[in-house]
Amino acid sequence: MAVMTTGNTSRADANRRRILDVALAELLRDPDASMDQIARAAGVVRRTVYGHFPSREALVDTIIDGAVEAVAVAQEAARAGVRDPAEAVARSVLAIWEIADRYRLLVALAQRTVTVRSIRERLAPVRESAVELLQQGLESGEFSSPLPAPALAFVHEQILFALMEAVNEDLLESPKAGRSAAVTVLTAAGVPAGEATGLVAKLSG
């Protein structure tokens, strides 16, 4: 039985990474891009793409997994060491939006190829972190909402998805969308609009 050497493994990993990077670019350009198109753009044969990803759905799944992982890392880094719940939420949303903006054109594609339940399951760690932060804000009185923290976190998540779609539909300018998302999420948590706007302007300025 043939044994894959370290050099072969490194080359395979590099090919896989390149295919993912090219696939993301191609799917952002054309959400209906085929595996053949992706292979040509990556400079590899179709068999090589299928060797790493058995189907187009598996390829999209892997890209979405990467996006969710990046969101989780961005969220954790943004709120690290921040004690004020409102500032932590604002920093988290601004950081998350930088990732979301890169993938926003894949939202509709993901909804078609990945079940909504699956997307929600993948975002569970991100949502749990948000619930913890929102609970702190509700208990301290900085946030005010008729919704419990888990429901409020779900609403915030849907706001971000909706704003991604709004940018896709040219209803909102992309450069302003991150700040708009942060202000919208804060006001949904009961922070006065003026206060939310000022905080986001300070953090993004």
C-alpha atoms as a PDB file:
ATOM      1  CA  MET A   1       0.000   0.000   0.000  1.00  0.00           C
ATOM      2  CA  ALA A   2       1.381   3.401  -0.956  1.00  0.00           C
ATOM      3  CA  VAL A   3       2.249   5.740   1.873  1.00  0.00           C
ATOM      4  CA  MET A   4       1.796   9.469   1.404  1.00  0.00           C
ATOM      5  CA  THR A   5       5.020  11.317   2.228  1.00  0.00           C
ATOM      6  CA  THR A   6       5.249  14.595   4.088  1.00  0.00           C
ATOM      7  CA  GLY A   7       5.979  16.361   0.811  1.00  0.00           C
ATOM      8  CA  ASN A   8       2.916  14.826  -0.826  1.00  0.00           C
ATOM      9  CA  THR A   9       0.778  15.725   2.195  1.00  0.00           C
ATOM     10  CA  SER A  10       1.977  19.323   2.117  1.00  0.00           C
ATOM     11  CA  ARG A  11       1.293  19.529  -1.605  1.00  0.00           C
ATOM     12  CA  ALA A  12      -2.178  18.046  -1.131  1.00  0.00           C
ATOM     13  CA  ASP A  13      -2.918  20.512   1.665  1.00  0.00           C
ATOM     14  CA  ALA A  14      -1.727  23.393  -0.504  1.00  0.00           C
ATOM     15  CA  ASN A  15      -3.943  22.197  -3.369  1.00  0.00           C
ATOM     16  CA  ARG A  16      -6.913  21.907  -1.051  1.00  0.00           C
ATOM     17  CA  ARG A  17      -6.360  25.411   0.321  1.00  0.00           C
ATOM     18  CA  ARG A  18      -5.991  26.832  -3.178  1.00  0.00           C
ATOM     19  CA  ILE A  19      -9.154  25.100  -4.359  1.00  0.00           C
ATOM     20  CA  LEU A  20     -11.079  26.547  -1.393  1.00  0.00           C
ATOM     21  CA  ASP A  21      -9.733  30.060  -2.009  1.00  0.00           C
ATOM     22  CA  VAL A  22     -10.491  29.912  -5.716  1.00  0.00           C
ATOM     23  CA  ALA A  23     -13.892  28.311  -5.116  1.00  0.00           C
ATOM     24  CA  LEU A  24     -14.856  31.139  -2.783  1.00  0.00           C
ATOM     25  CA  ALA A  25     -13.828  33.734  -5.372  1.00  0.00           C
ATOM     26  CA  GLU A  26     -15.665  31.913  -8.156  1.00  0.00           C
ATOM     27  CA  LEU A  27     -18.824  31.395  -6.119  1.00  0.00           C
ATOM     28  CA  LEU A  28     -18.841  35.048  -5.092  1.00  0.00           C
ATOM     29  CA  ARG A  29     -18.555  35.956  -8.766  1.00  0.00           C
ATOM     30  CA  ASP A  30     -21.068  33.334  -9.885  1.00  0.00           C
ATOM     31  CA  PRO A  31     -23.082  31.482  -7.195  1.00  0.00           C
ATOM     32  CA  ASP A  32     -23.906  28.815  -9.796  1.00  0.00           C
ATOM     33  CA  ALA A  33     -20.257  28.122 -10.685  1.00  0.00           C
ATOM     34  CA  SER A  34     -19.727  24.430 -11.446  1.00  0.00           C
ATOM     35  CA  MET A  35     -16.979  22.154 -10.209  1.00  0.00           C
ATOM     36  CA  ASP A  36     -15.506  22.290 -13.736  1.00  0.00           C
ATOM     37  CA  GLN A  37     -15.329  26.095 -13.593  1.00  0.00           C
ATOM     38  CA  ILE A  38     -13.706  25.962 -10.176  1.00  0.00           C
ATOM     39  CA  ALA A  39     -11.166  23.375 -11.337  1.00  0.00           C
ATOM     40  CA  ARG A  40     -10.212  25.475 -14.369  1.00  0.00           C
ATOM     41  CA  ALA A  41      -9.888  28.617 -12.262  1.00  0.00           C
ATOM     42  CA  ALA A  42      -7.705  26.753  -9.751  1.00  0.00           C
ATOM     43  CA  GLY A  43      -5.498  25.373 -12.512  1.00  0.00           C
ATOM     44  CA  VAL A  44      -6.185  21.747 -11.644  1.00  0.00           C
ATOM     45  CA  VAL A  45      -8.066  18.921 -13.287  1.00  0.00           C
ATOM     46  CA  ARG A  46     -11.615  18.143 -12.258  1.00  0.00           C
ATOM     47  CA  ARG A  47     -10.493  14.876 -10.659  1.00  0.00           C
ATOM     48  CA  THR A  48      -8.261  16.798  -8.248  1.00  0.00           C
ATOM     49  CA  VAL A  49     -11.187  18.899  -7.005  1.00  0.00           C
ATOM     50  CA  TYR A  50     -13.325  15.807  -6.516  1.00  0.00           C
ATOM     51  CA  GLY A  51     -10.419  14.128  -4.755  1.00  0.00           C
ATOM     52  CA  HIS A  52     -10.701  16.724  -1.990  1.00  0.00           C
ATOM     53  CA  PHE A  53     -14.454  17.382  -2.155  1.00  0.00           C
ATOM     54  CA  PRO A  54     -16.775  14.563  -3.286  1.00  0.00           C
ATOM     55  CA  SER A  55     -19.517  16.978  -4.352  1.00  0.00           C
ATOM     56  CA  ARG A  56     -20.246  20.652  -4.894  1.00  0.00           C
ATOM     57  CA  GLU A  57     -22.344  20.593  -1.731  1.00  0.00           C
ATOM     58  CA  ALA A  58     -19.350  19.267   0.245  1.00  0.00           C
ATOM     59  CA  LEU A  59     -17.215  22.086  -1.142  1.00  0.00           C
ATOM     60  CA  VAL A  60     -19.775  24.732  -0.168  1.00  0.00           C
ATOM     61  CA  ASP A  61     -20.136  23.100   3.267  1.00  0.00           C
ATOM     62  CA  THR A  62     -16.387  23.398   3.822  1.00  0.00           C
ATOM     63  CA  ILE A  63     -16.383  27.063   2.811  1.00  0.00           C
ATOM     64  CA  ILE A  64     -19.265  27.761   5.193  1.00  0.00           C
ATOM     65  CA  ASP A  65     -17.430  25.904   7.964  1.00  0.00           C
ATOM     66  CA  GLY A  66     -14.445  28.173   7.392  1.00  0.00           C
ATOM     67  CA  ALA A  67     -16.653  31.258   7.550  1.00  0.00           C
ATOM     68  CA  VAL A  68     -18.259  30.145  10.827  1.00  0.00           C
ATOM     69  CA  GLU A  69     -14.861  29.396  12.340  1.00  0.00           C
ATOM     70  CA  ALA A  70     -13.594  32.831  11.302  1.00  0.00           C
ATOM     71  CA  VAL A  71     -16.677  34.460  12.847  1.00  0.00           C
ATOM     72  CA  ALA A  72     -16.102  32.640  16.139  1.00  0.00           C
ATOM     73  CA  VAL A  73     -12.453  33.724  16.250  1.00  0.00           C
ATOM     74  CA  ALA A  74     -13.346  37.329  15.414  1.00  0.00           C
ATOM     75  CA  GLN A  75     -16.060  37.421  18.077  1.00  0.00           C
ATOM     76  CA  GLU A  76     -13.764  36.085  20.783  1.00  0.00           C
ATOM     77  CA  ALA A  77     -10.922  38.429  19.898  1.00  0.00           C
ATOM     78  CA  ALA A  78     -13.181  41.494  19.723  1.00  0.00           C
ATOM     79  CA  ARG A  79     -14.710  41.067  23.165  1.00  0.00           C
ATOM     80  CA  ALA A  80     -11.562  39.869  24.956  1.00  0.00           C
ATOM     81  CA  GLY A  81     -10.893  42.001  28.019  1.00  0.00           C
ATOM     82  CA  VAL A  82     -13.929  44.264  27.420  1.00  0.00           C
ATOM     83  CA  ARG A  83     -16.092  44.495  30.541  1.00  0.00           C
ATOM     84  CA  ASP A  84     -18.849  46.799  29.309  1.00  0.00           C
ATOM     85  CA  PRO A  85     -21.571  44.645  27.655  1.00  0.00           C
ATOM     86  CA  ALA A  86     -22.620  47.292  25.111  1.00  0.00           C
ATOM     87  CA  GLU A  87     -19.049  47.927  24.003  1.00  0.00           C
ATOM     88  CA  ALA A  88     -18.382  44.177  23.839  1.00  0.00           C
ATOM     89  CA  VAL A  89     -21.470  43.644  21.662  1.00  0.00           C
ATOM     90  CA  ALA A  90     -20.560  46.556  19.391  1.00  0.00           C
ATOM     91  CA  ARG A  91     -16.971  45.369  18.993  1.00  0.00           C
ATOM     92  CA  SER A  92     -18.180  41.824  18.305  1.00  0.00           C
ATOM     93  CA  VAL A  93     -20.631  42.900  15.612  1.00  0.00           C
ATOM     94  CA  LEU A  94     -18.100  45.169  13.905  1.00  0.00           C
ATOM     95  CA  ALA A  95     -15.550  42.345  13.858  1.00  0.00           C
ATOM     96  CA  ILE A  96     -18.058  39.740  12.752  1.00  0.00           C
ATOM     97  CA  TRP A  97     -19.306  41.980   9.960  1.00  0.00           C
ATOM     98  CA  GLU A  98     -15.840  42.115   8.404  1.00  0.00           C
ATOM     99  CA  ILE A  99     -16.076  38.346   8.001  1.00  0.00           C
ATOM    100  CA  ALA A 100     -19.757  38.329   7.069  1.00  0.00           C
ATOM    101  CA  ASP A 101     -19.240  40.980   4.386  1.00  0.00           C
ATOM    102  CA  ARG A 102     -16.731  38.732   2.639  1.00  0.00           C
ATOM    103  CA  TYR A 103     -19.173  35.838   2.548  1.00  0.00           C
ATOM    104  CA  ARG A 104     -22.465  37.698   2.223  1.00  0.00           C
ATOM    105  CA  LEU A 105     -22.963  36.789  -1.443  1.00  0.00           C
ATOM    106  CA  LEU A 106     -22.895  33.143  -0.394  1.00  0.00           C
ATOM    107  CA  VAL A 107     -25.823  33.545   1.994  1.00  0.00           C
ATOM    108  CA  ALA A 108     -28.447  32.721  -0.632  1.00  0.00           C
ATOM    109  CA  LEU A 109     -26.291  29.896  -1.961  1.00  0.00           C
ATOM    110  CA  ALA A 110     -25.844  28.459   1.525  1.00  0.00           C
ATOM    111  CA  GLN A 111     -29.579  28.597   2.119  1.00  0.00           C
ATOM    112  CA  ARG A 112     -30.075  26.528  -1.044  1.00  0.00           C
ATOM    113  CA  THR A 113     -27.329  23.975  -0.488  1.00  0.00           C
ATOM    114  CA  VAL A 114     -27.040  23.755   3.312  1.00  0.00           C
ATOM    115  CA  THR A 115     -30.097  23.270   5.484  1.00  0.00           C
ATOM    116  CA  VAL A 116     -31.088  26.200   7.682  1.00  0.00           C
ATOM    117  CA  ARG A 117     -30.925  23.881  10.699  1.00  0.00           C
ATOM    118  CA  SER A 118     -27.375  22.918   9.796  1.00  0.00           C
ATOM    119  CA  ILE A 119     -26.328  26.581   9.589  1.00  0.00           C
ATOM    120  CA  ARG A 120     -27.908  27.268  12.970  1.00  0.00           C
ATOM    121  CA  GLU A 121     -26.140  24.275  14.481  1.00  0.00           C
ATOM    122  CA  ARG A 122     -22.799  25.494  13.167  1.00  0.00           C
ATOM    123  CA  LEU A 123     -23.377  28.917  14.689  1.00  0.00           C
ATOM    124  CA  ALA A 124     -24.304  27.463  18.092  1.00  0.00           C
ATOM    125  CA  PRO A 125     -20.949  28.294  19.793  1.00  0.00           C
ATOM    126  CA  VAL A 126     -21.115  31.870  18.492  1.00  0.00           C
ATOM    127  CA  ARG A 127     -24.705  32.192  19.686  1.00  0.00           C
ATOM    128  CA  GLU A 128     -23.896  30.739  23.115  1.00  0.00           C
ATOM    129  CA  SER A 129     -21.159  33.330  23.583  1.00  0.00           C
ATOM    130  CA  ALA A 130     -23.599  36.068  22.565  1.00  0.00           C
ATOM    131  CA  VAL A 131     -26.215  34.746  25.017  1.00  0.00           C
ATOM    132  CA  GLU A 132     -23.717  34.954  27.870  1.00  0.00           C
ATOM    133  CA  LEU A 133     -22.855  38.547  27.008  1.00  0.00           C
ATOM    134  CA  LEU A 134     -26.486  39.586  26.569  1.00  0.00           C
ATOM    135  CA  GLN A 135     -27.420  37.979  29.882  1.00  0.00           C
ATOM    136  CA  GLN A 136     -24.764  40.064  31.614  1.00  0.00           C
ATOM    137  CA  GLY A 137     -26.157  43.218  30.028  1.00  0.00           C
ATOM    138  CA  LEU A 138     -29.748  42.353  30.935  1.00  0.00           C
ATOM    139  CA  GLU A 139     -28.812  41.597  34.536  1.00  0.00           C
ATOM    140  CA  SER A 140     -26.818  44.811  34.881  1.00  0.00           C
ATOM    141  CA  GLY A 141     -29.649  46.866  33.371  1.00  0.00           C
ATOM    142  CA  GLU A 142     -27.528  48.109  30.481  1.00  0.00           C
ATOM    143  CA  PHE A 143     -29.741  46.146  28.102  1.00  0.00           C
ATOM    144  CA  SER A 144     -33.525  46.150  28.217  1.00  0.00           C
ATOM    145  CA  SER A 145     -35.632  43.696  26.274  1.00  0.00           C
ATOM    146  CA  PRO A 146     -38.857  41.721  26.732  1.00  0.00           C
ATOM    147  CA  LEU A 147     -36.959  38.786  25.262  1.00  0.00           C
ATOM    148  CA  PRO A 148     -34.762  36.431  27.286  1.00  0.00           C
ATOM    149  CA  ALA A 149     -31.088  36.376  26.313  1.00  0.00           C
ATOM    150  CA  PRO A 150     -31.295  33.227  24.107  1.00  0.00           C
ATOM    151  CA  ALA A 151     -34.177  34.656  22.056  1.00  0.00           C
ATOM    152  CA  LEU A 152     -32.469  38.047  21.830  1.00  0.00           C
ATOM    153  CA  ALA A 153     -29.262  36.397  20.573  1.00  0.00           C
ATOM    154  CA  PHE A 154     -31.303  34.610  17.915  1.00  0.00           C
ATOM    155  CA  VAL A 155     -32.885  37.924  16.851  1.00  0.00           C
ATOM    156  CA  HIS A 156     -29.439  39.530  16.616  1.00  0.00           C
ATOM    157  CA  GLU A 157     -28.248  36.658  14.431  1.00  0.00           C
ATOM    158  CA  GLN A 158     -31.199  37.099  12.093  1.00  0.00           C
ATOM    159  CA  ILE A 159     -30.586  40.852  11.920  1.00  0.00           C
ATOM    160  CA  LEU A 160     -27.073  40.212  10.630  1.00  0.00           C
ATOM    161  CA  PHE A 161     -28.334  37.734   8.024  1.00  0.00           C
ATOM    162  CA  ALA A 162     -31.027  40.189   6.928  1.00  0.00           C
ATOM    163  CA  LEU A 163     -28.528  43.039   6.584  1.00  0.00           C
ATOM    164  CA  MET A 164     -26.246  40.813   4.523  1.00  0.00           C
ATOM    165  CA  GLU A 165     -29.166  40.218   2.180  1.00  0.00           C
ATOM    166  CA  ALA A 166     -29.976  43.942   2.171  1.00  0.00           C
ATOM    167  CA  VAL A 167     -26.454  44.695   0.930  1.00  0.00           C
ATOM    168  CA  ASN A 168     -26.791  41.955  -1.676  1.00  0.00           C
ATOM    169  CA  GLU A 169     -30.017  43.586  -2.895  1.00  0.00           C
ATOM    170  CA  ASP A 170     -28.370  47.050  -3.021  1.00  0.00           C
ATOM    171  CA  LEU A 171     -30.642  48.322  -0.258  1.00  0.00           C
ATOM    172  CA  LEU A 172     -27.670  49.237   1.939  1.00  0.00           C
ATOM    173  CA  GLU A 173     -24.155  50.378   1.068  1.00  0.00           C
ATOM    174  CA  SER A 174     -21.510  47.868   2.057  1.00  0.00           C
ATOM    175  CA  PRO A 175     -19.052  50.371   3.634  1.00  0.00           C
ATOM    176  CA  LYS A 176     -21.786  51.569   6.019  1.00  0.00           C
ATOM    177  CA  ALA A 177     -23.299  48.176   6.713  1.00  0.00           C
ATOM    178  CA  GLY A 178     -21.008  47.155   9.577  1.00  0.00           C
ATOM    179  CA  ARG A 179     -21.731  50.280  11.584  1.00  0.00           C
ATOM    180  CA  SER A 180     -25.432  50.019  10.756  1.00  0.00           C
ATOM    181  CA  ALA A 181     -25.442  46.399  11.927  1.00  0.00           C
ATOM    182  CA  ALA A 182     -23.782  47.262  15.237  1.00  0.00           C
ATOM    183  CA  VAL A 183     -26.192  50.133  15.931  1.00  0.00           C
ATOM    184  CA  THR A 184     -29.221  48.010  14.963  1.00  0.00           C
ATOM    185  CA  VAL A 185     -28.149  45.141  17.231  1.00  0.00           C
ATOM    186  CA  LEU A 186     -27.553  47.494  20.170  1.00  0.00           C
ATOM    187  CA  THR A 187     -30.901  49.240  19.767  1.00  0.00           C
ATOM    188  CA  ALA A 188     -32.599  45.830  19.539  1.00  0.00           C
ATOM    189  CA  ALA A 189     -31.056  45.144  22.952  1.00  0.00           C
ATOM    190  CA  GLY A 190     -32.631  48.320  24.322  1.00  0.00           C
ATOM    191  CA  VAL A 191     -29.686  50.714  24.081  1.00  0.00           C
ATOM    192  CA  PRO A 192     -30.945  54.229  23.165  1.00  0.00           C
ATOM    193  CA  ALA A 193     -30.318  54.999  19.490  1.00  0.00           C
ATOM    194  CA  GLY A 194     -28.201  58.067  20.165  1.00  0.00           C
ATOM    195  CA  GLU A 195     -26.028  56.236  22.661  1.00  0.00           C
ATOM    196  CA  ALA A 196     -25.638  53.257  20.333  1.00  0.00           C
ATOM    197  CA  THR A 197     -24.733  55.473  17.383  1.00  0.00           C
ATOM    198  CA  GLY A 198     -22.171  57.386  19.416  1.00  0.00           C
ATOM    199  CA  LEU A 199     -20.545  54.234  20.762  1.00  0.00           C
ATOM    200  CA  VAL A 200     -20.276  52.627  17.327  1.00  0.00           C
ATOM    201  CA  ALA A 201     -18.911  55.834  15.799  1.00  0.00           C
ATOM    202  CA  LYS A 202     -16.254  55.967  18.508  1.00  0.00           C
ATOM    203  CA  LEU A 203     -15.237  52.341  18.002  1.00  0.00           C
ATOM    204  CA  SER A 204     -15.211  52.471  14.201  1.00  0.00           C
ATOM    205  CA  GLY A 205     -13.662  55.926  13.893  1.00  0.00           C
END
